[in-house]
Amino acid sequence: MNPATQSQQSGTHVGRLQNGRTCARTATACTLHCKEVQREAIVPHWAAGERFSTTKGAFLTIHVWTWFVEFGYAIALAAMFYSVVAAFAMRRPISQVDRPAERLRPVTILKPLCGAEPDTYECLRSFCVQAFPHYQVVFGVSDANDAVVPIVRRLQREYPQCDLSLVIERRSHGNNRKVSNLINMMAAARHDYLVISDSDVRVEPDYLGRIVAPLAEEQVGIVTCCYRGVARAGVWSILGSMFINEWFMPSVRVAAMMGFRSFAFGATIAIRRDTLDRIGGFPAVAGQLADDYRLGELTRRLGLATVLSDVEVETMVGEKSVAELVAHELRWRRTIRILSPSGYRFSFITFGLPITALQMMLAGGAAAAAIIFGITVLSNASLHLAVDRHRSRRAKLLLVPLRDLLHFALWGWSFATRRVQWRSHHYRVTPDGSAQPVVRT
């Protein structure tokens, strides 16, 4: 049967195209279809290839984006999980090993000082009222005209029954001014149990007896403890205290809960004199920016243990401007980035709110992403309410997202350079953690 006869019986139209193919359509549809096919027939090969490449590229783009979103879910889940664990860790007491009661040995407390703040008197006074039978407090400054000297003299008058000494010595022993001060103070230290504590720390009367108790065990190298930031005044000091209470200390508690002890904090370090001598004394850390961290590391190299005490002390946070807050936190972050590069690199998962919020946006508000974000929000709120003891803690919940965003931003900024600022001095942190002065021109 010829095409014409077939078309009459079927009610369709058969058209013959320029490329020899035939088309069976209704008459109207055939006209349009034939023109379209004829246009396709004259499309050059390179244009057809380009169309295929465009389609392939679109497919690859979609595939990569899907993989990116799925990878984002993995990161967001890790951030959510950390937030939940951190909130739990801050509510869980630090476990302590039961130790037999022993005769308490005399202790020397070393307090390196520089400058005075409104609460310096109360901080130093708290070390003069310890419920401990026999101890000495050695204060040290490098300048006789330092504003803190009259405060120490006042304490010596008010507590004549206490063994309080003041060392004024200008000799420098390296780029770390605090350690240089400690080296000068050691000549006045009379006892074999030593406790080093920063000038802005406030303690309870039972602090000394609890902090030195683990030193009775020979396998203990140093004892350190957690601390809580107390904001002096203003939003910047509040954000600074939240850095300590809601980010740094939770990370310490999580690490301790998992069995890690690679830390030591300037708020409190207790060490025996013979252990200090074995690691080279304070001169061994005279050039280190993170002298407290290095003291702990050197004792662990001897095979000695680091004990995290259940004591918690207070440290005053007094940043008066955003510049002071940023300079302080960048100094800390850049130092830790150099001392523990791998751990610091992956610490971004501790910034729960920005990570999970970003994933929710990437996932287009998907239910799974929204649930992850919601759990993270609740965990962060729970942590905040657990650690903030101020009566306005509920109002300060509004600062939690800002604080987490600031964490994320400063974490990224910390990779830009190795320069840090400590008080009015600028340093460059070397790969081994040493501080090299930077001359600003």
Protein backbone atom coordinates (compact mmCIF):
# COMPACT_ATOMS: atom_id res chain seq x y z
CA MET A 1 0.00 0.00 0.00
CA ASN A 2 1.39 3.39 -0.96
CA PRO A 3 1.65 6.26 1.50
CA ALA A 4 -1.21 8.19 -0.04
CA THR A 5 -3.62 5.26 0.34
CA GLN A 6 -2.43 4.68 3.96
CA SER A 7 -3.01 8.26 4.83
CA GLN A 8 -6.52 8.26 3.43
CA GLN A 9 -7.46 5.15 5.48
CA SER A 10 -5.87 6.29 8.73
CA GLY A 11 -6.82 9.96 8.57
CA THR A 12 -3.21 11.04 8.83
CA HIS A 13 -0.96 12.97 6.53
CA VAL A 14 2.36 11.55 5.33
CA GLY A 15 5.03 14.11 4.55
CA ARG A 16 8.46 13.49 3.14
CA LEU A 17 11.31 15.41 4.74
CA GLN A 18 14.49 16.65 3.14
CA ASN A 19 16.53 13.97 4.89
CA GLY A 20 14.42 11.16 3.36
CA ARG A 21 12.39 10.34 6.47
CA THR A 22 8.61 10.25 6.44
CA CYS A 23 6.23 11.71 8.96
CA ALA A 24 2.72 10.60 9.85
CA ARG A 25 0.73 13.47 11.38
CA THR A 26 -2.49 15.26 10.85
CA ALA A 27 -2.09 17.78 8.10
CA THR A 28 -1.72 20.81 10.37
CA ALA A 29 0.59 19.11 12.83
CA CYS A 30 2.67 17.69 10.01
CA THR A 31 3.37 21.07 8.56
CA LEU A 32 4.71 22.39 11.85
CA HIS A 33 6.59 19.17 12.68
CA CYS A 34 8.24 18.97 9.29
CA LYS A 35 9.53 22.51 9.64
CA GLU A 36 10.94 21.75 13.11
CA VAL A 37 12.66 18.57 11.99
CA GLN A 38 14.03 20.35 8.93
CA ARG A 39 15.51 23.02 11.18
CA GLU A 40 17.13 20.30 13.29
CA ALA A 41 18.50 18.69 10.12
CA ILE A 42 20.49 21.76 9.22
CA VAL A 43 21.90 22.34 12.77
CA PRO A 44 25.67 21.99 12.48
CA HIS A 45 27.44 19.23 14.41
CA TRP A 46 29.34 21.65 16.64
CA ALA A 47 26.08 23.21 17.85
CA ALA A 48 24.65 19.81 18.66
CA GLY A 49 27.78 18.99 20.63
CA GLU A 50 27.47 22.24 22.56
CA ARG A 51 23.89 21.41 23.47
CA PHE A 52 25.03 18.02 24.76
CA SER A 53 27.85 19.64 26.74
CA THR A 54 25.43 22.11 28.31
CA THR A 55 23.13 19.30 29.36
CA LYS A 56 26.05 17.31 30.77
CA GLY A 57 27.34 20.37 32.63
CA ALA A 58 23.93 20.99 34.16
CA PHE A 59 23.78 17.37 35.29
CA LEU A 60 27.23 17.61 36.89
CA THR A 61 26.27 20.86 38.62
CA ILE A 62 23.17 19.26 40.10
CA HIS A 63 25.16 16.21 41.15
CA VAL A 64 27.87 18.29 42.85
CA TRP A 65 25.28 20.46 44.62
CA THR A 66 23.48 17.36 45.90
CA TRP A 67 26.76 15.99 47.22
CA PHE A 68 27.53 19.37 48.81
CA VAL A 69 24.19 19.46 50.62
CA GLU A 70 24.63 15.87 51.84
CA PHE A 71 28.12 16.68 53.09
CA GLY A 72 26.64 19.73 54.82
CA TYR A 73 24.21 17.45 56.64
CA ALA A 74 27.15 15.44 57.99
CA ILE A 75 28.83 18.61 59.31
CA ALA A 76 25.57 19.93 60.74
CA LEU A 77 24.90 16.63 62.50
CA ALA A 78 28.39 16.73 64.03
CA ALA A 79 27.80 20.31 65.22
CA MET A 80 24.42 19.37 66.67
CA PHE A 81 25.88 16.32 68.41
CA TYR A 82 28.68 18.41 69.94
CA SER A 83 26.15 21.00 71.19
CA VAL A 84 24.15 18.28 72.94
CA VAL A 85 27.26 16.70 74.48
CA ALA A 86 28.61 20.10 75.61
CA ALA A 87 25.32 20.96 77.33
CA PHE A 88 25.43 17.60 79.10
CA ALA A 89 29.10 17.92 80.07
CA MET A 90 28.56 21.31 81.72
CA ARG A 91 25.87 19.82 83.96
CA ARG A 92 27.95 16.79 84.86
CA PRO A 93 30.36 17.11 87.82
CA ILE A 94 34.05 16.51 87.21
CA SER A 95 34.92 13.06 88.50
CA GLN A 96 37.58 12.91 91.20
CA VAL A 97 39.70 10.04 92.49
CA ASP A 98 39.21 9.37 96.20
CA ARG A 99 42.49 10.12 97.95
CA PRO A 100 43.39 9.24 101.53
CA ALA A 101 43.64 12.14 103.92
CA GLU A 102 47.23 13.19 104.47
CA ARG A 103 49.01 15.90 106.35
CA LEU A 104 48.79 19.07 104.32
CA ARG A 105 52.20 20.36 103.35
CA PRO A 106 53.03 24.08 103.33
CA VAL A 107 52.29 25.89 100.07
CA THR A 108 53.65 28.96 98.31
CA ILE A 109 51.17 30.85 96.13
CA LEU A 110 52.81 32.85 93.34
CA LYS A 111 50.85 35.88 92.11
CA PRO A 112 52.56 37.74 89.23
CA LEU A 113 51.00 41.18 88.92
CA CYS A 114 50.87 44.03 86.42
CA GLY A 115 48.47 46.93 86.80
CA ALA A 116 45.27 47.20 88.83
CA GLU A 117 41.58 46.89 88.04
CA PRO A 118 38.55 47.82 90.18
CA ASP A 119 38.24 44.27 91.52
CA THR A 120 41.97 43.54 91.99
CA TYR A 121 41.77 44.05 95.75
CA GLU A 122 38.96 41.50 96.18
CA CYS A 123 40.73 39.00 93.93
CA LEU A 124 44.00 39.22 95.85
CA ARG A 125 42.23 39.31 99.21
CA SER A 126 40.56 35.95 98.47
CA PHE A 127 44.02 34.34 98.61
CA CYS A 128 44.67 35.85 102.05
CA VAL A 129 41.70 34.17 103.73
CA GLN A 130 42.36 30.53 102.85
CA ALA A 131 41.28 27.84 105.30
CA PHE A 132 44.73 26.29 105.16
CA PRO A 133 47.16 25.87 108.07
CA HIS A 134 50.47 27.01 106.60
CA TYR A 135 50.94 28.91 103.36
CA GLN A 136 52.78 31.86 101.88
CA VAL A 137 51.67 34.33 99.18
CA VAL A 138 54.38 35.93 97.03
CA PHE A 139 53.30 38.89 94.91
CA GLY A 140 55.60 40.12 92.15
CA VAL A 141 55.86 43.25 90.00
CA SER A 142 58.53 44.62 87.70
CA ASP A 143 57.91 48.29 88.47
CA ALA A 144 57.88 49.90 91.92
CA ASN A 145 55.40 52.50 90.62
CA ASP A 146 52.90 49.88 89.45
CA ALA A 147 49.33 50.73 90.52
CA VAL A 148 48.95 47.35 92.18
CA VAL A 149 51.73 47.97 94.75
CA PRO A 150 49.53 50.05 97.12
CA ILE A 151 46.91 47.28 97.03
CA VAL A 152 49.49 44.69 98.12
CA ARG A 153 50.75 47.01 100.87
CA ARG A 154 47.18 47.41 102.09
CA LEU A 155 46.73 43.64 102.28
CA GLN A 156 49.98 43.31 104.25
CA ARG A 157 48.60 45.80 106.79
CA GLU A 158 45.15 44.21 106.98
CA TYR A 159 46.40 40.62 107.28
CA PRO A 160 49.54 40.75 109.44
CA GLN A 161 48.99 37.11 110.45
CA CYS A 162 49.43 36.04 106.80
CA ASP A 163 52.82 35.42 105.25
CA LEU A 164 52.64 37.97 102.39
CA SER A 165 55.72 39.00 100.42
CA LEU A 166 56.19 41.52 97.63
CA VAL A 167 59.01 41.14 95.11
CA ILE A 168 59.88 44.17 92.96
CA GLU A 169 62.42 43.29 90.29
CA ARG A 170 62.97 44.80 86.84
CA ARG A 171 65.23 42.08 85.44
CA SER A 172 63.83 40.53 82.28
CA HIS A 173 64.16 36.84 81.41
CA GLY A 174 62.55 36.46 78.00
CA ASN A 175 59.65 37.82 76.01
CA ASN A 176 56.93 36.52 78.32
CA ARG A 177 56.66 39.21 80.99
CA LYS A 178 54.54 37.10 83.31
CA VAL A 179 57.08 34.25 83.34
CA SER A 180 59.90 36.75 83.75
CA ASN A 181 58.12 37.99 86.84
CA LEU A 182 57.75 34.42 88.14
CA ILE A 183 61.48 33.76 87.73
CA ASN A 184 62.23 36.83 89.84
CA MET A 185 59.69 35.75 92.48
CA MET A 186 61.05 32.21 92.96
CA ALA A 187 63.86 33.43 95.21
CA ALA A 188 61.21 34.36 97.81
CA ALA A 189 59.29 31.06 97.59
CA ARG A 190 60.01 28.96 100.69
CA HIS A 191 57.81 25.88 100.23
CA ASP A 192 57.92 22.86 97.95
CA TYR A 193 54.28 22.91 96.88
CA LEU A 194 53.73 25.78 94.45
CA VAL A 195 50.47 27.28 93.15
CA ILE A 196 50.62 29.77 90.27
CA SER A 197 47.54 31.90 89.71
CA ASP A 198 46.77 34.93 87.53
CA SER A 199 46.08 38.29 89.12
CA ASP A 200 42.41 38.48 88.03
CA VAL A 201 41.35 35.24 89.75
CA ARG A 202 39.02 35.07 92.75
CA VAL A 203 38.73 31.90 94.87
CA GLU A 204 36.77 30.40 97.77
CA PRO A 205 38.35 29.79 101.22
CA ASP A 206 38.61 26.01 100.65
CA TYR A 207 40.42 26.47 97.33
CA LEU A 208 44.00 25.85 98.43
CA GLY A 209 43.43 22.61 100.35
CA ARG A 210 41.45 21.08 97.48
CA ILE A 211 43.80 22.16 94.70
CA VAL A 212 47.03 20.83 96.21
CA ALA A 213 45.67 17.51 97.54
CA PRO A 214 46.47 15.52 94.33
CA LEU A 215 50.15 16.57 94.51
CA ALA A 216 50.62 14.03 97.29
CA GLU A 217 50.68 11.35 94.60
CA GLU A 218 54.08 11.03 92.93
CA GLN A 219 52.64 10.26 89.49
CA VAL A 220 50.84 13.62 89.40
CA GLY A 221 52.73 16.34 87.54
CA ILE A 222 50.41 19.33 87.73
CA VAL A 223 46.91 20.13 88.96
CA THR A 224 44.75 22.65 87.16
CA CYS A 225 41.08 23.61 87.31
CA CYS A 226 38.24 25.09 85.32
CA TYR A 227 37.32 28.72 85.67
CA ARG A 228 34.25 30.87 85.12
CA GLY A 229 34.32 34.28 83.49
CA VAL A 230 32.66 37.11 85.42
CA ALA A 231 31.84 40.17 83.31
CA ARG A 232 32.75 43.49 84.87
CA ALA A 233 30.44 45.79 82.90
CA GLY A 234 29.25 46.36 79.33
CA VAL A 235 28.27 44.16 76.44
CA TRP A 236 31.87 43.46 75.35
CA SER A 237 32.84 42.03 78.73
CA ILE A 238 29.63 39.96 78.70
CA LEU A 239 30.58 38.55 75.30
CA GLY A 240 34.08 37.91 76.64
CA SER A 241 32.69 35.96 79.59
CA MET A 242 30.46 33.97 77.23
CA PHE A 243 33.59 33.03 75.26
CA ILE A 244 34.95 31.40 78.41
CA ASN A 245 31.76 29.99 79.90
CA GLU A 246 29.89 28.86 76.79
CA TRP A 247 32.63 27.88 74.38
CA PHE A 248 36.07 27.35 75.91
CA MET A 249 35.13 25.68 79.19
CA PRO A 250 32.55 23.38 77.53
CA SER A 251 35.28 22.22 75.13
CA VAL A 252 37.52 21.47 78.11
CA ARG A 253 34.76 19.57 79.91
CA VAL A 254 33.95 17.53 76.80
CA ALA A 255 37.65 16.67 76.35
CA ALA A 256 37.94 15.72 80.04
CA MET A 257 34.81 13.56 79.80
CA MET A 258 36.46 11.69 76.91
CA GLY A 259 39.63 11.15 78.95
CA PHE A 260 41.89 13.84 77.48
CA ARG A 261 44.12 15.92 79.77
CA SER A 262 46.25 17.96 77.35
CA PHE A 263 45.68 21.27 79.07
CA ALA A 264 46.74 23.56 81.90
CA PHE A 265 45.26 26.95 82.71
CA GLY A 266 46.87 30.10 84.06
CA ALA A 267 43.93 30.58 86.42
CA THR A 268 45.48 27.83 88.57
CA ILE A 269 48.47 25.51 88.22
CA ALA A 270 49.71 23.51 91.21
CA ILE A 271 53.09 21.81 90.89
CA ARG A 272 55.81 20.42 93.17
CA ARG A 273 59.12 22.24 93.22
CA ASP A 274 61.04 19.11 92.25
CA THR A 275 58.81 18.57 89.21
CA LEU A 276 59.34 22.19 88.16
CA ASP A 277 63.10 21.72 88.50
CA ARG A 278 63.00 18.54 86.38
CA ILE A 279 61.44 20.39 83.43
CA GLY A 280 63.98 23.23 83.68
CA GLY A 281 62.09 25.61 85.94
CA PHE A 282 60.29 28.70 84.72
CA PRO A 283 63.17 29.59 82.35
CA ALA A 284 62.05 26.61 80.21
CA VAL A 285 58.88 28.55 79.29
CA ALA A 286 60.25 32.10 79.44
CA GLY A 287 59.85 32.62 75.70
CA GLN A 288 56.50 30.85 75.34
CA LEU A 289 53.30 32.79 74.77
CA ALA A 290 51.14 29.98 76.21
CA ASP A 291 53.35 29.32 79.24
CA ASP A 292 50.58 27.49 81.12
CA TYR A 293 49.96 25.06 78.26
CA ARG A 294 53.69 24.41 77.89
CA LEU A 295 54.14 23.71 81.61
CA GLY A 296 51.52 20.99 81.36
CA GLU A 297 53.08 19.56 78.21
CA LEU A 298 56.58 19.40 79.74
CA THR A 299 55.35 17.55 82.82
CA ARG A 300 53.46 15.06 80.65
CA ARG A 301 56.69 14.38 78.74
CA LEU A 302 58.09 13.14 82.05
CA GLY A 303 55.28 10.59 82.18
CA LEU A 304 53.43 12.50 84.90
CA ALA A 305 49.68 12.97 84.95
CA THR A 306 47.67 16.17 84.65
CA VAL A 307 44.77 16.33 87.12
CA LEU A 308 41.69 18.44 86.40
CA SER A 309 40.41 19.42 89.83
CA ASP A 310 36.71 19.81 90.61
CA VAL A 311 37.53 23.27 91.97
CA GLU A 312 36.13 26.14 89.91
CA VAL A 313 37.53 29.65 90.27
CA GLU A 314 36.35 32.97 88.92
CA THR A 315 38.28 35.14 86.50
CA MET A 316 37.34 38.74 85.86
CA VAL A 317 36.58 39.73 82.26
CA GLY A 318 36.88 43.44 81.58
CA GLU A 319 37.01 44.09 77.84
CA LYS A 320 35.83 47.66 77.34
CA SER A 321 35.56 47.69 73.54
CA VAL A 322 35.19 45.42 70.55
CA ALA A 323 38.87 46.06 69.74
CA GLU A 324 39.97 44.70 73.14
CA LEU A 325 37.67 41.70 72.81
CA VAL A 326 38.90 40.83 69.32
CA ALA A 327 42.58 41.30 70.26
CA HIS A 328 42.24 39.05 73.31
CA GLU A 329 40.40 36.27 71.51
CA LEU A 330 42.65 36.37 68.44
CA ARG A 331 45.70 36.04 70.70
CA TRP A 332 44.23 32.95 72.28
CA ARG A 333 43.02 31.43 69.00
CA ARG A 334 46.24 32.02 67.05
CA THR A 335 48.33 30.58 69.86
CA ILE A 336 46.22 27.42 70.05
CA ARG A 337 46.15 27.16 66.24
CA ILE A 338 49.93 26.92 66.24
CA LEU A 339 50.22 24.62 69.26
CA SER A 340 47.43 22.25 68.19
CA PRO A 341 46.84 22.81 64.45
CA SER A 342 44.74 19.72 63.69
CA GLY A 343 42.43 20.10 66.64
CA TYR A 344 41.97 23.80 66.04
CA ARG A 345 41.32 23.32 62.33
CA PHE A 346 38.35 21.08 63.05
CA SER A 347 37.06 23.10 65.98
CA PHE A 348 34.55 24.78 63.68
CA ILE A 349 32.04 22.04 64.55
CA THR A 350 31.79 23.65 67.98
CA PHE A 351 30.08 26.67 66.40
CA GLY A 352 26.69 24.98 66.37
CA LEU A 353 24.28 27.79 65.53
CA PRO A 354 26.02 29.23 62.43
CA ILE A 355 26.83 25.77 61.06
CA THR A 356 23.31 24.37 61.40
CA ALA A 357 21.67 27.63 60.25
CA LEU A 358 23.81 27.63 57.11
CA GLN A 359 22.87 24.03 56.40
CA MET A 360 19.19 24.84 56.77
CA MET A 361 19.57 27.55 54.13
CA LEU A 362 21.51 25.25 51.79
CA ALA A 363 18.84 22.57 52.16
CA GLY A 364 16.08 25.04 51.33
CA GLY A 365 14.48 24.79 54.75
CA ALA A 366 14.10 21.00 54.57
CA ALA A 367 12.47 19.39 57.60
CA ALA A 368 15.59 17.39 58.52
CA ALA A 369 17.78 20.51 58.47
CA ALA A 370 15.20 22.43 60.51
CA ILE A 371 15.13 19.68 63.15
CA ILE A 372 18.94 19.69 63.39
CA PHE A 373 18.91 23.47 63.79
CA GLY A 374 16.16 23.32 66.43
CA ILE A 375 17.99 20.75 68.55
CA THR A 376 21.14 22.86 68.36
CA VAL A 377 19.24 25.97 69.46
CA LEU A 378 17.75 24.15 72.45
CA SER A 379 21.15 22.70 73.43
CA ASN A 380 22.82 26.10 73.30
CA ALA A 381 20.02 27.66 75.33
CA SER A 382 20.30 24.87 77.90
CA LEU A 383 24.07 25.35 78.17
CA HIS A 384 23.68 29.11 78.58
CA LEU A 385 21.13 28.76 81.38
CA ALA A 386 23.30 26.14 83.10
CA VAL A 387 26.49 28.22 83.23
CA ASP A 388 25.20 31.80 83.53
CA ARG A 389 24.40 32.46 87.18
CA HIS A 390 23.41 36.08 86.72
CA ARG A 391 19.79 37.04 87.26
CA SER A 392 19.63 38.50 83.75
CA ARG A 393 20.70 35.24 82.09
CA ARG A 394 17.37 34.84 80.28
CA ALA A 395 17.71 38.27 78.70
CA LYS A 396 21.26 37.43 77.64
CA LEU A 397 19.94 34.49 75.61
CA LEU A 398 19.56 37.05 72.82
CA LEU A 399 23.36 37.37 72.74
CA VAL A 400 23.95 33.64 72.16
CA PRO A 401 23.53 33.76 68.33
CA LEU A 402 25.77 36.86 68.12
CA ARG A 403 28.39 35.15 70.29
CA ASP A 404 28.39 32.02 68.08
CA LEU A 405 28.63 34.11 64.92
CA LEU A 406 31.57 35.98 66.44
CA HIS A 407 33.23 32.63 67.25
CA PHE A 408 32.90 31.57 63.64
CA ALA A 409 34.23 34.88 62.26
CA LEU A 410 37.25 35.02 64.58
CA TRP A 411 38.05 31.36 63.93
CA GLY A 412 38.33 32.16 60.23
CA TRP A 413 40.27 35.38 60.87
CA SER A 414 42.76 33.56 63.10
CA PHE A 415 44.24 31.81 60.05
CA ALA A 416 45.20 35.13 58.43
CA THR A 417 48.43 35.79 60.35
CA ARG A 418 50.52 34.77 63.37
CA ARG A 419 50.59 38.23 64.93
CA VAL A 420 48.98 38.74 68.33
CA GLN A 421 48.56 41.57 70.82
CA TRP A 422 49.15 41.15 74.56
CA ARG A 423 48.26 44.29 76.46
CA SER A 424 50.11 47.05 74.56
CA HIS A 425 52.75 44.74 73.09
CA HIS A 426 52.68 42.98 69.72
CA TYR A 427 54.23 39.59 69.02
CA ARG A 428 54.60 37.03 66.27
CA VAL A 429 53.99 33.44 67.38
CA THR A 430 56.59 31.02 66.00
CA PRO A 431 55.80 27.37 65.14
CA ASP A 432 57.05 26.21 68.57
CA GLY A 433 54.80 28.67 70.42
CA SER A 434 57.50 31.24 71.21
CA ALA A 435 56.67 34.93 71.19
CA GLN A 436 58.83 37.23 69.07
CA PRO A 437 58.33 41.00 69.58
CA VAL A 438 57.09 42.88 66.53
CA VAL A 439 58.26 46.45 66.02
CA ARG A 440 55.41 48.45 64.54
CA THR A 441 56.42 51.18 62.14
